[in-house]
N, C-alpha and C. Protein backbone atom coordinates (compact mmCIF):
# COMPACT_ATOMS: atom_id res chain seq x y z
N UNK A 1 1.41 134.38 4.59
CA UNK A 1 0.07 135.78 5.36
C UNK A 1 -1.58 135.61 5.11
N UNK A 2 -1.81 135.57 6.08
CA UNK A 2 -3.31 135.65 5.92
C UNK A 2 -4.11 136.55 5.12
N UNK A 3 -3.27 137.78 4.36
CA UNK A 3 -4.06 138.80 3.84
C UNK A 3 -3.83 138.69 2.40
N UNK A 4 -3.02 137.56 1.88
CA UNK A 4 -2.74 137.06 0.93
C UNK A 4 -3.68 135.81 -0.18
N UNK A 5 -3.99 135.69 -1.14
CA UNK A 5 -4.33 134.56 -1.91
C UNK A 5 -3.14 134.17 -2.75
N UNK A 6 -2.86 132.76 -2.67
CA UNK A 6 -1.68 132.52 -3.81
C UNK A 6 -0.48 132.93 -4.83
N UNK A 7 -1.75 134.06 -5.21
CA UNK A 7 -1.03 134.61 -6.52
C UNK A 7 -0.83 136.11 -6.19
N UNK A 8 -1.06 136.45 -4.79
CA UNK A 8 -1.19 137.82 -4.42
C UNK A 8 0.04 138.27 -3.49
N UNK A 9 0.24 139.17 -3.50
CA UNK A 9 1.67 139.83 -2.55
C UNK A 9 0.59 141.11 -1.80
N UNK A 10 0.52 141.32 -0.22
CA UNK A 10 -0.06 142.42 0.28
C UNK A 10 1.15 143.03 0.81
N UNK A 11 1.50 144.30 0.70
CA UNK A 11 2.37 144.83 1.39
C UNK A 11 1.66 145.94 2.22
N UNK A 12 2.00 146.15 3.55
CA UNK A 12 1.41 147.10 4.18
C UNK A 12 2.61 148.14 4.73
N UNK A 13 1.95 149.39 4.81
CA UNK A 13 2.77 150.44 4.61
C UNK A 13 2.46 151.19 6.41
N UNK A 14 3.50 151.45 7.37
CA UNK A 14 2.85 151.34 8.53
C UNK A 14 2.75 153.15 8.73
N UNK A 15 1.98 153.25 9.10
CA UNK A 15 0.97 154.67 9.01
C UNK A 15 0.75 155.28 10.41
N UNK A 16 1.80 155.28 10.82
CA UNK A 16 1.87 156.07 12.42
C UNK A 16 2.59 157.40 11.94
N UNK A 17 2.65 157.75 10.88
CA UNK A 17 3.66 159.12 10.76
C UNK A 17 4.23 159.01 9.21
N UNK A 18 4.43 160.22 8.86
CA UNK A 18 4.83 160.34 7.12
C UNK A 18 4.23 159.88 6.33
N UNK A 19 4.86 159.62 5.19
CA UNK A 19 4.36 159.79 3.75
C UNK A 19 3.61 158.18 3.31
N UNK A 20 2.67 157.94 3.94
CA UNK A 20 2.36 156.88 3.88
C UNK A 20 1.20 156.48 2.74
N UNK A 21 0.38 157.40 2.09
CA UNK A 21 -0.39 157.38 1.00
C UNK A 21 0.40 157.92 -0.32
N UNK A 22 1.54 158.09 -0.04
CA UNK A 22 2.66 158.24 -1.60
C UNK A 22 3.25 156.67 -1.85
N UNK A 23 3.70 156.13 -0.58
CA UNK A 23 3.91 154.73 -0.56
C UNK A 23 3.23 153.87 -1.38
N UNK A 24 1.96 153.88 -0.63
CA UNK A 24 0.68 152.86 -0.91
C UNK A 24 0.49 153.40 -2.63
N UNK A 25 0.36 154.56 -2.60
CA UNK A 25 0.46 154.87 -4.32
C UNK A 25 1.14 154.21 -4.89
N UNK A 26 2.49 154.33 -4.80
CA UNK A 26 4.06 153.83 -5.35
C UNK A 26 3.61 152.28 -5.80
N UNK A 27 3.13 151.49 -4.63
CA UNK A 27 3.22 150.23 -4.45
C UNK A 27 1.67 149.81 -5.41
N UNK A 28 0.69 150.08 -5.44
CA UNK A 28 -0.78 150.06 -6.49
C UNK A 28 0.02 150.01 -7.79
N UNK A 29 0.27 151.23 -8.31
CA UNK A 29 0.84 151.23 -9.18
C UNK A 29 1.78 150.50 -9.96
N UNK A 30 2.38 149.36 -8.76
CA UNK A 30 3.41 148.18 -9.31
C UNK A 30 2.61 146.87 -9.08
N UNK A 31 0.96 147.63 -9.20
CA UNK A 31 0.20 145.92 -9.21
C UNK A 31 -0.07 145.25 -8.10
N UNK A 32 0.34 145.69 -6.84
CA UNK A 32 0.42 144.87 -5.58
C UNK A 32 -0.59 145.34 -4.77
N UNK A 33 -1.35 144.73 -4.11
CA UNK A 33 -2.38 145.24 -3.01
C UNK A 33 -1.42 146.14 -1.74
N UNK A 34 -1.85 146.95 -1.42
CA UNK A 34 -1.14 147.91 -0.19
C UNK A 34 -2.16 148.19 0.88
N UNK A 35 -1.56 148.19 1.89
CA UNK A 35 -2.59 148.67 3.12
C UNK A 35 -1.81 149.47 4.00
N UNK A 36 -2.62 150.14 5.00
CA UNK A 36 -2.20 150.92 6.08
C UNK A 36 -1.61 150.01 7.13
N UNK A 37 -0.86 149.87 7.80
CA UNK A 37 -0.39 149.12 8.94
C UNK A 37 -0.69 150.09 10.43
N UNK A 38 -1.83 149.99 11.42
CA UNK A 38 -2.08 150.59 12.46
C UNK A 38 -1.90 149.57 13.43
N UNK A 39 -1.85 148.30 13.53
CA UNK A 39 -2.12 147.49 15.03
C UNK A 39 -1.44 146.21 14.36
N UNK A 40 -1.33 145.62 15.41
CA UNK A 40 -0.73 144.16 15.11
C UNK A 40 -1.58 143.15 14.36
N UNK A 41 -2.73 143.27 14.38
CA UNK A 41 -3.67 142.27 13.40
C UNK A 41 -3.01 142.66 11.97
N UNK A 42 -2.72 144.08 11.56
CA UNK A 42 -2.73 144.48 10.47
C UNK A 42 -1.35 143.87 10.06
N UNK A 43 -0.35 144.10 10.89
CA UNK A 43 0.78 143.58 10.72
C UNK A 43 0.64 142.12 10.22
N UNK A 44 0.46 141.38 10.84
CA UNK A 44 0.19 140.03 10.94
C UNK A 44 -0.52 139.75 9.42
N UNK A 45 -1.16 140.69 8.70
CA UNK A 45 -1.99 140.01 7.46
C UNK A 45 -1.25 140.37 6.17
N UNK A 46 0.06 141.21 6.58
CA UNK A 46 1.27 141.54 5.24
C UNK A 46 2.14 140.90 4.89
N UNK A 47 2.32 140.48 3.63
CA UNK A 47 3.77 139.88 3.41
C UNK A 47 4.87 141.14 3.21
N UNK A 48 5.09 141.93 3.33
CA UNK A 48 5.70 142.59 3.80
C UNK A 48 5.73 143.89 4.68
N UNK A 49 6.66 145.18 4.78
CA UNK A 49 6.48 146.21 5.02
C UNK A 49 7.13 147.23 4.46
N UNK A 50 6.39 148.76 4.69
CA UNK A 50 7.15 150.01 4.30
C UNK A 50 7.47 150.79 5.59
N UNK A 51 8.53 150.92 5.92
CA UNK A 51 8.49 152.29 7.64
C UNK A 51 8.79 153.45 6.82
N UNK A 52 7.50 154.30 6.75
CA UNK A 52 7.73 156.03 5.95
C UNK A 52 9.09 156.96 6.80
N UNK A 53 9.09 157.92 5.87
CA UNK A 53 10.04 158.91 6.56
C UNK A 53 9.22 159.55 7.82
N UNK A 54 9.67 160.49 8.28
CA UNK A 54 8.68 161.19 9.06
C UNK A 54 9.71 161.45 10.49
N UNK A 55 9.48 161.30 11.83
CA UNK A 55 10.65 161.77 12.45
C UNK A 55 10.51 160.31 13.43
N UNK A 56 11.97 159.84 13.19
CA UNK A 56 12.19 158.66 14.34
C UNK A 56 11.75 158.37 15.48
N UNK A 57 12.00 159.64 16.15
CA UNK A 57 11.55 159.38 17.66
C UNK A 57 10.02 159.73 17.61
N UNK A 58 8.99 160.11 17.02
CA UNK A 58 8.04 159.74 17.05
C UNK A 58 7.53 158.46 16.62
N UNK A 59 8.03 157.79 15.46
CA UNK A 59 7.71 156.95 14.97
C UNK A 59 7.75 155.85 16.22
N UNK A 60 9.09 155.55 16.85
CA UNK A 60 9.50 154.68 17.68
C UNK A 60 8.20 154.89 19.11
N UNK A 61 7.99 156.34 19.57
CA UNK A 61 6.79 156.22 20.53
C UNK A 61 5.66 155.90 20.00
N UNK A 62 5.23 155.95 19.14
CA UNK A 62 3.75 155.84 18.86
C UNK A 62 3.86 154.12 18.30
N UNK A 63 4.68 153.71 18.18
CA UNK A 63 4.86 151.93 17.48
C UNK A 63 4.51 151.62 18.82
N UNK A 64 5.08 152.14 20.06
CA UNK A 64 5.28 151.53 21.41
C UNK A 64 3.85 152.00 21.99
N UNK A 65 3.07 153.01 21.51
CA UNK A 65 1.90 153.16 22.21
C UNK A 65 0.88 152.41 21.16
N UNK A 66 0.94 152.01 20.42
CA UNK A 66 -0.10 151.15 19.46
C UNK A 66 0.32 149.64 19.48
N UNK A 67 1.29 149.25 20.36
CA UNK A 67 1.61 147.97 20.62
C UNK A 67 2.35 147.37 19.65
N UNK A 68 2.86 148.07 18.37
CA UNK A 68 3.30 147.37 17.10
C UNK A 68 4.85 147.17 17.29
N UNK A 69 5.62 147.82 18.25
CA UNK A 69 7.11 147.68 18.20
C UNK A 69 7.64 146.16 18.77
N UNK A 70 6.99 145.77 19.41
CA UNK A 70 7.69 144.44 19.59
C UNK A 70 7.33 143.32 18.80
N UNK A 71 5.83 143.41 17.93
CA UNK A 71 5.36 142.33 16.79
C UNK A 71 6.00 142.90 15.78
N UNK A 72 6.76 144.17 15.32
CA UNK A 72 7.73 144.67 14.10
C UNK A 72 8.88 144.30 14.75
N UNK A 73 9.60 143.93 15.52
CA UNK A 73 11.18 143.40 15.98
C UNK A 73 10.61 142.15 15.74
N UNK A 74 9.51 141.37 15.87
CA UNK A 74 10.08 139.74 15.84
C UNK A 74 9.78 139.35 14.55
N UNK A 75 8.67 140.01 13.40
CA UNK A 75 8.15 139.95 12.31
C UNK A 75 10.01 140.11 11.52
N UNK A 76 10.65 141.34 11.77
CA UNK A 76 12.39 141.15 10.89
C UNK A 76 12.66 140.36 11.45
N UNK A 77 13.13 140.13 12.63
CA UNK A 77 13.49 138.74 13.19
C UNK A 77 13.27 137.59 12.20
N UNK A 78 12.23 137.47 11.97
CA UNK A 78 11.13 136.28 11.31
C UNK A 78 11.53 136.35 10.05
N UNK A 79 11.96 137.39 9.14
CA UNK A 79 12.29 137.42 7.92
C UNK A 79 11.55 138.14 7.15
N UNK A 80 10.50 138.75 7.63
CA UNK A 80 9.60 139.78 7.02
C UNK A 80 10.69 140.54 6.04
N UNK A 81 9.77 140.82 4.92
CA UNK A 81 10.89 141.81 4.17
C UNK A 81 10.33 143.30 4.62
N UNK A 82 11.49 144.44 4.68
CA UNK A 82 11.01 145.70 5.21
C UNK A 82 11.81 146.33 4.28
N UNK A 83 11.03 147.98 4.07
CA UNK A 83 11.68 148.58 2.95
C UNK A 83 11.54 149.99 4.03
N UNK A 84 12.49 150.38 4.54
CA UNK A 84 12.65 151.75 5.44
C UNK A 84 13.31 152.80 4.54
N UNK A 85 12.16 154.32 4.65
CA UNK A 85 12.87 155.45 3.56
C UNK A 85 12.99 156.31 4.68
N UNK A 86 14.15 156.74 4.96
CA UNK A 86 14.25 158.31 5.65
C UNK A 86 14.25 157.82 7.12
N UNK A 87 13.62 158.43 7.82
CA UNK A 87 13.14 157.69 9.38
C UNK A 87 13.21 156.03 9.49
N UNK A 88 12.46 155.98 8.57
CA UNK A 88 12.42 154.36 8.57
C UNK A 88 13.89 153.58 8.50
N UNK A 89 14.89 153.95 7.48
CA UNK A 89 16.22 153.57 7.77
C UNK A 89 16.76 153.75 9.38
N UNK A 90 16.08 154.91 9.90
CA UNK A 90 16.91 155.05 11.28
C UNK A 90 16.40 153.75 12.12
N UNK A 91 15.08 153.58 11.67
CA UNK A 91 14.54 152.50 12.64
C UNK A 91 14.65 151.09 12.28
N UNK A 92 15.78 151.21 11.17
CA UNK A 92 16.04 149.70 10.85
C UNK A 92 17.71 149.34 11.62
N UNK A 93 17.79 150.80 11.87
CA UNK A 93 19.33 150.14 12.04
C UNK A 93 19.57 150.04 13.36
N UNK A 94 20.36 149.00 13.72
CA UNK A 94 21.14 148.35 14.96
C UNK A 94 21.95 149.44 15.98
N UNK A 95 22.44 150.09 15.33
CA UNK A 95 23.18 151.59 15.93
C UNK A 95 22.94 152.78 15.37
N UNK A 96 22.64 153.88 16.51
CA UNK A 96 21.86 155.52 16.10
C UNK A 96 23.36 156.36 16.74
N UNK A 97 23.71 156.89 15.45
CA UNK A 97 24.49 158.21 16.18
C UNK A 97 23.23 159.35 15.94
N UNK A 98 23.42 160.07 17.49
CA UNK A 98 22.57 161.58 17.38
C UNK A 98 21.23 160.90 18.03
N UNK A 99 21.43 159.20 19.00
CA UNK A 99 19.99 158.91 19.55
C UNK A 99 19.54 159.62 20.26
N UNK A 100 17.97 160.20 20.23
CA UNK A 100 17.23 160.83 21.63
C UNK A 100 17.39 160.23 22.74
N UNK A 101 17.14 160.51 23.61
CA UNK A 101 17.04 160.13 25.12
C UNK A 101 16.18 158.96 25.16
N UNK A 102 16.38 158.04 25.48
CA UNK A 102 15.63 156.97 25.65
C UNK A 102 14.76 155.95 24.34
N UNK A 103 15.36 156.61 22.73
CA UNK A 103 15.27 155.94 21.83
C UNK A 103 15.63 155.01 21.72
N UNK A 104 14.42 153.86 20.74
CA UNK A 104 14.71 152.58 20.61
C UNK A 104 14.26 152.66 18.90
N UNK A 105 15.01 151.51 18.62
CA UNK A 105 14.64 151.00 17.03
C UNK A 105 14.49 150.06 17.11
N UNK A 106 13.54 149.13 15.81
CA UNK A 106 13.33 147.95 15.68
C UNK A 106 14.61 147.29 15.48
N UNK A 107 15.48 147.64 14.70
CA UNK A 107 16.88 147.01 14.52
C UNK A 107 16.72 145.87 13.47
N UNK A 108 17.52 145.26 13.09
CA UNK A 108 17.69 144.19 12.09
C UNK A 108 19.15 144.35 10.85
N UNK A 109 18.89 146.02 11.00
CA UNK A 109 19.99 146.19 9.93
C UNK A 109 21.56 146.26 10.52
N UNK A 110 22.32 145.40 10.28
CA UNK A 110 23.58 145.70 10.84
C UNK A 110 24.50 146.94 10.47
N UNK A 111 24.26 148.12 10.70
CA UNK A 111 24.66 150.12 10.52
C UNK A 111 24.48 150.09 11.21
N UNK A 112 25.15 151.13 11.14
CA UNK A 112 25.23 152.61 12.24
C UNK A 112 24.60 153.81 11.36
N UNK A 113 23.39 154.18 11.46
CA UNK A 113 23.08 155.02 11.05
C UNK A 113 23.17 156.68 11.91
N UNK A 114 23.30 157.62 11.21
CA UNK A 114 23.47 158.90 11.72
C UNK A 114 22.18 160.00 11.50
N UNK A 115 21.56 160.50 12.52
CA UNK A 115 20.25 161.06 12.37
C UNK A 115 20.43 162.51 11.55
N UNK A 116 19.74 163.33 10.89
CA UNK A 116 19.75 164.30 10.72
C UNK A 116 21.17 164.79 10.38
N UNK A 117 21.86 164.10 9.05
CA UNK A 117 23.09 164.33 8.88
C UNK A 117 23.61 165.36 8.33
N UNK A 118 22.53 165.73 7.66
CA UNK A 118 22.48 166.85 6.77
C UNK A 118 22.06 168.13 7.22
N UNK A 119 21.83 168.08 8.84
CA UNK A 119 21.08 169.32 9.10
C UNK A 119 19.63 169.88 9.22
N UNK A 120 19.23 170.91 9.50
CA UNK A 120 17.61 171.02 9.59
C UNK A 120 16.96 170.72 8.33
N UNK A 121 15.71 170.78 8.22
CA UNK A 121 15.19 170.53 7.04
C UNK A 121 15.22 171.60 5.95
N UNK A 122 15.69 172.88 6.64
CA UNK A 122 16.31 174.00 5.22
C UNK A 122 17.23 173.62 4.51
N UNK A 123 17.92 172.45 5.04
CA UNK A 123 18.98 172.17 4.07
C UNK A 123 18.96 171.02 3.61
N UNK A 124 17.69 170.54 3.23
CA UNK A 124 16.91 169.63 2.02
C UNK A 124 17.82 169.90 0.80
N UNK A 125 17.64 168.69 0.07
CA UNK A 125 18.47 168.85 -1.07
C UNK A 125 17.93 167.98 -1.87
N UNK A 126 18.07 167.87 -3.59
CA UNK A 126 18.25 166.77 -4.49
C UNK A 126 19.07 166.63 -5.25
N UNK A 127 19.29 165.08 -5.64
CA UNK A 127 20.81 164.69 -6.21
C UNK A 127 20.15 163.56 -7.12
N UNK A 128 20.91 163.33 -8.15
CA UNK A 128 21.00 161.74 -8.15
C UNK A 128 21.91 161.07 -7.81
N UNK A 129 21.40 160.12 -7.69
CA UNK A 129 22.10 158.76 -6.81
C UNK A 129 22.54 157.57 -7.92
N UNK A 130 23.34 156.89 -7.93
CA UNK A 130 23.45 155.72 -8.73
C UNK A 130 23.13 154.55 -7.80
N UNK A 131 22.25 153.71 -8.42
CA UNK A 131 22.17 152.25 -7.73
C UNK A 131 22.30 151.47 -8.77
N UNK A 132 23.46 151.06 -8.89
CA UNK A 132 23.86 149.88 -10.38
C UNK A 132 23.04 148.51 -9.92
N UNK A 133 22.99 147.82 -9.07
CA UNK A 133 22.41 146.80 -8.56
C UNK A 133 20.88 146.66 -8.67
N UNK A 134 20.33 147.47 -8.83
CA UNK A 134 18.70 147.81 -9.10
C UNK A 134 18.86 147.90 -10.60
N UNK A 135 19.66 148.49 -11.67
CA UNK A 135 19.74 148.88 -12.77
C UNK A 135 18.61 149.81 -13.11
N UNK A 136 19.08 150.25 -14.84
CA UNK A 136 18.41 151.36 -14.92
C UNK A 136 19.29 152.49 -14.74
N UNK A 137 19.20 153.72 -15.06
CA UNK A 137 19.88 155.33 -14.74
C UNK A 137 19.89 155.68 -13.40
N UNK A 138 20.69 156.50 -13.24
CA UNK A 138 20.80 156.69 -11.95
C UNK A 138 19.35 157.18 -11.35
N UNK A 139 19.01 157.53 -9.97
CA UNK A 139 17.53 158.06 -9.43
C UNK A 139 18.08 159.47 -8.79
N UNK A 140 16.75 159.80 -9.01
CA UNK A 140 16.63 161.45 -8.67
C UNK A 140 16.23 161.13 -7.01
N UNK A 141 17.20 161.61 -6.46
CA UNK A 141 16.99 161.27 -5.11
C UNK A 141 16.78 162.81 -4.49
N UNK A 142 15.14 162.85 -3.34
CA UNK A 142 15.10 163.74 -2.28
C UNK A 142 15.39 163.69 -0.88
N UNK A 143 16.27 164.10 -0.42
CA UNK A 143 17.07 164.18 1.21
C UNK A 143 16.20 165.36 1.80
N UNK A 144 15.43 165.05 2.63
CA UNK A 144 14.47 165.77 3.61
C UNK A 144 15.08 165.43 5.04
N UNK A 145 15.60 166.02 6.04
CA UNK A 145 16.09 166.00 7.29
C UNK A 145 16.66 164.32 7.33
N UNK A 146 17.65 164.05 6.10
CA UNK A 146 17.67 162.79 6.30
C UNK A 146 19.12 162.44 6.57
N UNK A 147 19.04 161.04 7.26
CA UNK A 147 19.79 160.44 8.20
C UNK A 147 21.22 159.97 6.90
N UNK A 148 22.07 159.26 7.49
CA UNK A 148 23.52 158.70 6.34
C UNK A 148 23.70 157.38 7.12
N UNK A 149 24.10 156.68 6.47
CA UNK A 149 24.85 155.38 6.86
C UNK A 149 26.10 155.41 7.31
N UNK A 150 26.71 155.34 8.50
CA UNK A 150 28.14 156.04 8.53
C UNK A 150 28.79 154.80 8.52
N UNK A 151 28.65 152.94 9.02
CA UNK A 151 29.44 151.87 8.69
C UNK A 151 28.26 150.68 8.27
N UNK A 152 28.93 149.70 7.61
CA UNK A 152 28.00 148.46 7.85
C UNK A 152 28.34 147.55 8.37
N UNK A 153 27.94 146.41 8.31
CA UNK A 153 28.61 144.83 8.94
C UNK A 153 28.82 144.24 7.30
N UNK A 154 29.39 143.34 7.73
CA UNK A 154 29.66 142.38 6.72
C UNK A 154 28.48 141.49 5.97
N UNK A 155 27.73 141.49 6.43
CA UNK A 155 26.20 141.12 5.55
C UNK A 155 25.42 141.89 4.92
N UNK A 156 26.48 143.06 5.38
CA UNK A 156 25.44 144.55 4.23
C UNK A 156 26.19 144.43 3.21
N UNK A 157 25.26 145.22 2.20
CA UNK A 157 25.51 145.55 0.91
C UNK A 157 24.96 146.81 0.56
N UNK A 158 25.82 147.84 -0.09
CA UNK A 158 26.01 148.95 -0.43
C UNK A 158 25.29 149.17 -1.92
N UNK A 159 23.96 149.76 -1.89
CA UNK A 159 23.09 149.97 -3.18
C UNK A 159 23.82 151.06 -3.51
N UNK A 160 23.71 151.90 -2.84
CA UNK A 160 23.87 153.65 -3.37
C UNK A 160 24.38 154.37 -2.29
N UNK A 161 25.29 155.07 -3.26
CA UNK A 161 26.13 156.38 -2.74
C UNK A 161 26.03 157.68 -3.03
N UNK A 162 26.48 158.86 -2.56
CA UNK A 162 26.31 160.13 -3.11
C UNK A 162 27.90 160.24 -4.06
N UNK A 163 27.91 161.12 -4.35
CA UNK A 163 29.40 161.41 -5.32
C UNK A 163 30.29 161.21 -4.08
N UNK A 164 30.18 161.97 -3.26
CA UNK A 164 31.63 162.16 -2.03
C UNK A 164 31.81 160.66 -1.11
N UNK A 165 31.28 159.53 -1.72
CA UNK A 165 31.27 158.08 -1.24
C UNK A 165 30.18 157.82 -0.07
N UNK A 166 29.51 158.90 0.69
CA UNK A 166 28.73 158.50 1.71
C UNK A 166 27.65 157.53 1.42
N UNK A 167 27.25 156.59 2.20
CA UNK A 167 26.35 155.38 1.98
C UNK A 167 24.63 156.06 2.30
N UNK A 168 23.97 156.05 1.30
CA UNK A 168 22.63 155.86 0.98
C UNK A 168 21.17 155.30 0.83
N UNK A 169 21.96 154.06 0.66
CA UNK A 169 20.83 152.90 0.38
C UNK A 169 21.86 152.17 0.52
N UNK A 170 21.13 150.76 1.21
CA UNK A 170 21.63 149.48 1.78
C UNK A 170 20.71 148.24 1.44
N UNK A 171 20.88 147.01 1.63
CA UNK A 171 20.39 145.69 1.95
C UNK A 171 20.86 144.94 2.43
N UNK A 172 20.01 144.24 3.56
CA UNK A 172 20.60 143.04 4.16
C UNK A 172 19.64 142.04 4.53
N UNK A 173 19.70 140.89 3.62
CA UNK A 173 19.31 140.03 3.73
C UNK A 173 17.70 140.51 2.82
N UNK A 174 16.12 140.37 3.55
CA UNK A 174 15.03 141.07 3.41
C UNK A 174 14.99 142.42 3.49
N UNK A 175 15.83 142.94 4.44
CA UNK A 175 15.69 144.41 4.49
C UNK A 175 16.46 145.67 3.83
N UNK A 176 15.55 146.44 3.44
CA UNK A 176 16.32 147.52 2.54
C UNK A 176 16.05 148.63 3.55
N UNK A 177 17.54 149.52 3.13
CA UNK A 177 17.22 151.35 4.25
C UNK A 177 17.44 152.04 3.01
N UNK A 178 16.79 152.98 3.24
CA UNK A 178 17.51 153.80 1.89
C UNK A 178 17.05 155.29 2.72
N UNK A 179 18.17 156.41 2.44
CA UNK A 179 18.34 157.36 3.19
C UNK A 179 17.03 158.76 2.90
N UNK A 180 16.74 158.20 1.59
CA UNK A 180 16.04 159.55 0.25
C UNK A 180 14.64 159.19 0.47
N UNK A 181 14.04 159.75 -0.18
CA UNK A 181 12.71 159.65 -0.36
C UNK A 181 12.07 159.34 -2.14
N UNK A 182 12.28 157.74 -2.23
CA UNK A 182 11.67 157.55 -3.60
C UNK A 182 10.19 157.68 -4.30
N UNK A 183 9.55 157.73 -2.53
CA UNK A 183 8.21 157.43 -3.25
C UNK A 183 7.57 159.45 -3.28
N UNK A 184 8.53 160.16 -3.38
CA UNK A 184 8.11 161.97 -3.53
C UNK A 184 8.50 161.95 -5.02
N UNK A 185 9.59 161.33 -5.10
CA UNK A 185 10.10 161.29 -6.94
C UNK A 185 9.60 160.61 -7.78
N UNK A 186 8.62 159.61 -7.94
CA UNK A 186 8.39 158.84 -8.14
C UNK A 186 8.78 157.55 -8.43
N UNK A 187 10.14 156.89 -7.99
CA UNK A 187 11.13 156.08 -8.19
C UNK A 187 10.37 155.16 -7.66
N UNK A 188 10.23 154.02 -8.42
CA UNK A 188 9.74 152.67 -7.89
C UNK A 188 10.67 151.71 -7.49
N UNK A 189 11.69 151.89 -8.00
CA UNK A 189 13.12 150.41 -8.09
C UNK A 189 12.90 149.55 -6.68
N UNK A 190 12.93 150.63 -5.80
CA UNK A 190 13.27 149.78 -4.37
C UNK A 190 11.54 149.23 -3.85
N UNK A 191 10.50 149.80 -4.15
CA UNK A 191 9.41 149.03 -4.21
C UNK A 191 9.02 147.71 -4.87
N UNK A 192 9.65 147.90 -6.02
CA UNK A 192 9.57 146.36 -6.81
C UNK A 192 10.72 145.40 -6.09
N UNK A 193 11.70 145.76 -5.81
CA UNK A 193 12.91 144.96 -5.27
C UNK A 193 12.20 144.21 -4.02
N UNK A 194 11.38 145.22 -2.93
CA UNK A 194 10.40 144.69 -1.70
C UNK A 194 9.85 143.91 -2.25
N UNK A 195 9.13 143.98 -3.43
CA UNK A 195 8.13 142.95 -3.84
C UNK A 195 8.16 141.82 -4.19
N UNK A 196 9.41 141.62 -4.80
CA UNK A 196 10.33 140.52 -5.34
C UNK A 196 10.91 139.93 -3.89
N UNK A 197 11.30 140.60 -2.96
CA UNK A 197 11.75 139.88 -1.51
C UNK A 197 10.43 139.33 -1.07
N UNK A 198 9.33 139.83 -1.06
CA UNK A 198 8.07 138.93 -0.29
C UNK A 198 7.78 138.15 -1.21
N UNK A 199 7.65 138.11 -2.57
CA UNK A 199 7.47 136.76 -3.36
C UNK A 199 8.21 135.62 -3.33
N UNK A 200 9.58 135.93 -2.89
CA UNK A 200 10.67 135.11 -2.60
C UNK A 200 10.34 134.53 -1.39
N UNK A 201 10.10 135.29 -0.30
CA UNK A 201 9.55 134.72 1.02
C UNK A 201 8.36 134.13 1.14
N UNK A 202 7.37 134.35 0.16
CA UNK A 202 6.36 133.38 0.19
C UNK A 202 6.32 132.11 -0.50
N UNK A 203 7.28 131.88 -1.89
CA UNK A 203 7.58 130.97 -2.44
C UNK A 203 6.74 131.03 -3.61
N UNK A 204 6.42 132.72 -3.73
CA UNK A 204 5.70 133.06 -4.91
C UNK A 204 6.24 133.80 -6.26
N UNK A 205 7.48 133.92 -6.04
CA UNK A 205 8.87 134.21 -6.92
C UNK A 205 9.04 133.48 -8.26
C-alpha cells in the first residue's frame, strides 16, 4: 500500500463512529503505524482496517455519506485484512438478524450475526472468554449492546465462545470478527493477529 515502507505496516481505524482512539492506542502500543480512515484516499493508504464498535446502522449511513461503503466492500473482496469489533462484527456479516429497514453491511464474513443479542445498554456485562487459538489466558471481555454470531459457514473458524456455547469471535481468511470490545479491556491479541495478517498479505511476514 502507498502508506507503508517495506518494513512498516499501517493499520487504519474507520473513524466514523465508535472507539477510534482506543483502537489507535492499542495498535500503536504494538509498534504499528495507525491512523484514522475517513475517506477513500485514507482507505487506499492502509494495509489493514479496524471497524470499531458504535451503532451499525449509523456506520452504514455514514459510510455511504462519506463514499466509503463501496471502497470498503471492494477492499474486503480484494483481501484487505479487517478486524470488526461489536458493531464492526455486524458490518462484516453477510447475514444480519434484527436488520434495520434499509440497513446494509460491508459483508465478507459467511456468518449470521444477531444485533443487540443481549438487550439494551443497561444489560451490558463483562466476562472471561477463552480464545485458545490466539494463545495465553482467557480474555476479559466487555460486552456493550453486543451482537452474537448465530451460525457460520464452513470457511469460518470459531475463535471464542461464551460458557453457554454462543459464538463471540470468528475468523474467515483475513477477516476477524469479535462481539466484544478488546480495546476497552486492554486486550491486544486480536489486533496482533490483524497485524500478522497484514504482514502476510503484504509479503512482510
